[in-house]
Structure formats: structure tokens, C-alpha cells
Amino acid sequence: MFLKRTQNKKFDHIPRFYKPEEDETERRKRRLKFRSNSKSRKKMKIPVVLLLLLAIIIYFIVKLNTM
């Protein structure tokens, strides 16, 4: 309430190698969300498969113990 709020630092950085054409295409891709998420999809499949295998193994252990 009585404290001063901190603000973000502002930088005036001029890049050495700037290509405005590439910047515009990147903006369009971001706007359209045209990024391949193949890495994140592969990461998500592995835990699902492991959980499925674990569930099958537990099911068979329980099934064999009841017999």
C-alpha cells in the first residue's frame, strides 16, 4: 500500500542482424499458431503408454491372486 511498485527495465537494444521480412513471417506464424508441437506430443505419449501398461500389469496381478 505504501511501497513503491517495481517496474520492468526498458532496454534500447539494436540488433546487429535484423531481417524485417523474417520478423513479419514469424509474427504471422505466431498469430496463426503454426508451430509444430511434435516434441511435446511425443513427450505426452510416453507417460500415457507407461500408465496403460502399469494398469494392465496390476489388473493381471489382481486377477491371478483371486484365482
N, C-alpha and C. Protein backbone atom coordinates (compact mmCIF):
# COMPACT_ATOMS: atom_id res chain seq x y z
N MET A 1 0.83 -1.18 0.00
CA MET A 1 0.00 0.00 0.00
C MET A 1 0.87 1.25 0.00
N PHE A 2 1.88 1.31 0.87
CA PHE A 2 2.72 2.48 0.95
C PHE A 2 4.04 2.29 0.21
N LEU A 3 4.25 1.10 -0.34
CA LEU A 3 5.51 0.81 -1.01
C LEU A 3 5.45 1.18 -2.48
N LYS A 4 6.59 1.51 -3.03
CA LYS A 4 6.67 1.85 -4.45
C LYS A 4 6.69 0.55 -5.26
N ARG A 5 5.89 0.50 -6.30
CA ARG A 5 5.84 -0.69 -7.14
C ARG A 5 7.04 -0.71 -8.07
N THR A 6 7.58 -1.89 -8.27
CA THR A 6 8.71 -2.02 -9.18
C THR A 6 8.21 -2.06 -10.61
N GLN A 7 9.02 -1.54 -11.50
CA GLN A 7 8.67 -1.53 -12.92
C GLN A 7 9.70 -2.33 -13.69
N ASN A 8 9.30 -2.80 -14.85
CA ASN A 8 10.21 -3.54 -15.70
C ASN A 8 11.28 -2.63 -16.26
N LYS A 9 12.46 -3.21 -16.45
CA LYS A 9 13.54 -2.43 -17.06
C LYS A 9 13.30 -2.32 -18.56
N LYS A 10 13.64 -1.19 -19.12
CA LYS A 10 13.47 -0.97 -20.55
C LYS A 10 14.85 -0.87 -21.18
N PHE A 11 15.03 -1.61 -22.26
CA PHE A 11 16.31 -1.63 -22.95
C PHE A 11 16.16 -1.08 -24.36
N ASP A 12 17.16 -0.37 -24.82
CA ASP A 12 17.21 0.13 -26.18
C ASP A 12 18.29 -0.64 -26.93
N HIS A 13 17.98 -1.88 -27.24
CA HIS A 13 18.95 -2.75 -27.91
C HIS A 13 18.67 -2.77 -29.40
N ILE A 14 19.68 -2.46 -30.19
CA ILE A 14 19.55 -2.51 -31.65
C ILE A 14 20.29 -3.76 -32.13
N PRO A 15 19.57 -4.74 -32.68
CA PRO A 15 20.22 -5.97 -33.11
C PRO A 15 21.13 -5.74 -34.30
N ARG A 16 22.20 -6.50 -34.37
CA ARG A 16 23.14 -6.36 -35.48
C ARG A 16 22.57 -6.89 -36.79
N PHE A 17 21.99 -8.07 -36.71
CA PHE A 17 21.49 -8.73 -37.92
C PHE A 17 19.98 -8.82 -37.82
N TYR A 18 19.32 -7.85 -38.36
CA TYR A 18 17.87 -7.79 -38.30
C TYR A 18 17.31 -7.91 -39.70
N LYS A 19 16.42 -8.86 -39.88
CA LYS A 19 15.77 -9.05 -41.16
C LYS A 19 14.27 -8.83 -40.97
N PRO A 20 13.78 -7.68 -41.41
CA PRO A 20 12.36 -7.38 -41.18
C PRO A 20 11.42 -8.38 -41.85
N GLU A 21 11.84 -8.97 -42.98
CA GLU A 21 10.97 -9.93 -43.67
C GLU A 21 10.73 -11.15 -42.79
N GLU A 22 11.81 -11.64 -42.18
CA GLU A 22 11.67 -12.81 -41.32
C GLU A 22 10.84 -12.49 -40.07
N ASP A 23 10.99 -11.29 -39.57
CA ASP A 23 10.23 -10.89 -38.40
C ASP A 23 8.73 -10.89 -38.72
N GLU A 24 8.38 -10.40 -39.88
CA GLU A 24 6.97 -10.37 -40.28
C GLU A 24 6.42 -11.79 -40.44
N THR A 25 7.21 -12.68 -41.03
CA THR A 25 6.72 -14.06 -41.19
C THR A 25 6.57 -14.74 -39.84
N GLU A 26 7.47 -14.47 -38.91
CA GLU A 26 7.35 -15.05 -37.57
C GLU A 26 6.10 -14.54 -36.86
N ARG A 27 5.80 -13.28 -37.03
CA ARG A 27 4.58 -12.74 -36.41
C ARG A 27 3.35 -13.42 -36.97
N ARG A 28 3.33 -13.63 -38.29
CA ARG A 28 2.19 -14.31 -38.91
C ARG A 28 2.06 -15.73 -38.39
N LYS A 29 3.19 -16.43 -38.28
CA LYS A 29 3.15 -17.80 -37.78
C LYS A 29 2.64 -17.85 -36.34
N ARG A 30 3.08 -16.92 -35.51
CA ARG A 30 2.61 -16.88 -34.13
C ARG A 30 1.12 -16.58 -34.06
N ARG A 31 0.68 -15.66 -34.93
CA ARG A 31 -0.73 -15.29 -34.93
C ARG A 31 -1.57 -16.50 -35.33
N LEU A 32 -1.08 -17.28 -36.29
CA LEU A 32 -1.82 -18.46 -36.76
C LEU A 32 -1.52 -19.70 -35.93
N LYS A 33 -0.57 -19.57 -35.00
CA LYS A 33 -0.13 -20.69 -34.16
C LYS A 33 0.33 -21.85 -35.02
N PHE A 34 1.22 -21.53 -35.96
CA PHE A 34 1.71 -22.50 -36.92
C PHE A 34 3.06 -23.05 -36.47
N ARG A 35 3.10 -23.61 -35.30
CA ARG A 35 4.34 -24.21 -34.80
C ARG A 35 4.10 -25.70 -34.65
N SER A 36 5.09 -26.46 -35.02
CA SER A 36 4.96 -27.90 -34.89
C SER A 36 5.24 -28.29 -33.45
N ASN A 37 4.34 -29.03 -32.87
CA ASN A 37 4.47 -29.45 -31.49
C ASN A 37 4.80 -30.94 -31.43
N SER A 38 5.60 -31.40 -32.36
CA SER A 38 5.91 -32.83 -32.40
C SER A 38 6.67 -33.27 -31.16
N LYS A 39 7.55 -32.43 -30.64
CA LYS A 39 8.31 -32.79 -29.45
C LYS A 39 7.40 -32.93 -28.24
N SER A 40 6.48 -32.01 -28.06
CA SER A 40 5.60 -32.08 -26.90
C SER A 40 4.62 -33.24 -27.04
N ARG A 41 4.21 -33.58 -28.25
CA ARG A 41 3.30 -34.70 -28.43
C ARG A 41 4.00 -36.01 -28.09
N LYS A 42 5.25 -36.16 -28.48
CA LYS A 42 5.98 -37.38 -28.17
C LYS A 42 6.17 -37.52 -26.67
N LYS A 43 6.43 -36.43 -25.99
CA LYS A 43 6.62 -36.48 -24.55
C LYS A 43 5.34 -36.88 -23.84
N MET A 44 4.20 -36.48 -24.37
CA MET A 44 2.94 -36.80 -23.73
C MET A 44 2.55 -38.25 -23.96
N LYS A 45 2.96 -38.86 -25.05
CA LYS A 45 2.57 -40.24 -25.34
C LYS A 45 3.26 -41.23 -24.42
N ILE A 46 4.48 -40.96 -24.05
CA ILE A 46 5.24 -41.91 -23.24
C ILE A 46 4.59 -42.14 -21.87
N PRO A 47 4.22 -41.11 -21.10
CA PRO A 47 3.58 -41.39 -19.80
C PRO A 47 2.24 -42.10 -19.95
N VAL A 48 1.50 -41.81 -21.00
CA VAL A 48 0.21 -42.45 -21.20
C VAL A 48 0.41 -43.94 -21.45
N VAL A 49 1.39 -44.28 -22.26
CA VAL A 49 1.67 -45.69 -22.56
C VAL A 49 2.15 -46.40 -21.30
N LEU A 50 3.01 -45.76 -20.52
CA LEU A 50 3.50 -46.37 -19.29
C LEU A 50 2.37 -46.59 -18.28
N LEU A 51 1.49 -45.63 -18.17
CA LEU A 51 0.36 -45.79 -17.25
C LEU A 51 -0.57 -46.91 -17.71
N LEU A 52 -0.76 -47.02 -19.01
CA LEU A 52 -1.60 -48.09 -19.54
C LEU A 52 -0.98 -49.45 -19.27
N LEU A 53 0.31 -49.59 -19.49
CA LEU A 53 0.99 -50.85 -19.21
C LEU A 53 0.94 -51.19 -17.72
N LEU A 54 1.14 -50.20 -16.88
CA LEU A 54 1.07 -50.41 -15.44
C LEU A 54 -0.33 -50.87 -15.02
N ALA A 55 -1.35 -50.28 -15.59
CA ALA A 55 -2.72 -50.67 -15.27
C ALA A 55 -3.00 -52.10 -15.70
N ILE A 56 -2.49 -52.51 -16.86
CA ILE A 56 -2.69 -53.88 -17.34
C ILE A 56 -1.97 -54.87 -16.44
N ILE A 57 -0.75 -54.54 -16.03
CA ILE A 57 0.00 -55.43 -15.15
C ILE A 57 -0.70 -55.58 -13.80
N ILE A 58 -1.16 -54.48 -13.24
CA ILE A 58 -1.88 -54.55 -11.96
C ILE A 58 -3.15 -55.36 -12.09
N TYR A 59 -3.85 -55.20 -13.20
CA TYR A 59 -5.09 -55.96 -13.43
C TYR A 59 -4.79 -57.46 -13.44
N PHE A 60 -3.74 -57.87 -14.15
CA PHE A 60 -3.42 -59.29 -14.21
C PHE A 60 -2.94 -59.82 -12.86
N ILE A 61 -2.20 -59.05 -12.10
CA ILE A 61 -1.76 -59.48 -10.76
C ILE A 61 -2.97 -59.70 -9.86
N VAL A 62 -3.91 -58.78 -9.89
CA VAL A 62 -5.12 -58.91 -9.07
C VAL A 62 -5.94 -60.10 -9.53
N LYS A 63 -6.03 -60.28 -10.82
CA LYS A 63 -6.81 -61.39 -11.40
C LYS A 63 -6.20 -62.73 -11.01
N LEU A 64 -4.85 -62.85 -11.03
CA LEU A 64 -4.20 -64.10 -10.68
C LEU A 64 -4.28 -64.40 -9.20
N ASN A 65 -4.27 -63.36 -8.36
CA ASN A 65 -4.37 -63.56 -6.91
C ASN A 65 -5.74 -64.01 -6.48
N THR A 66 -6.79 -63.63 -7.21
CA THR A 66 -8.14 -64.02 -6.84
C THR A 66 -8.44 -65.46 -7.23
N MET A 67 -7.67 -66.06 -8.11
CA MET A 67 -7.92 -67.44 -8.55
C MET A 67 -7.38 -68.44 -7.60
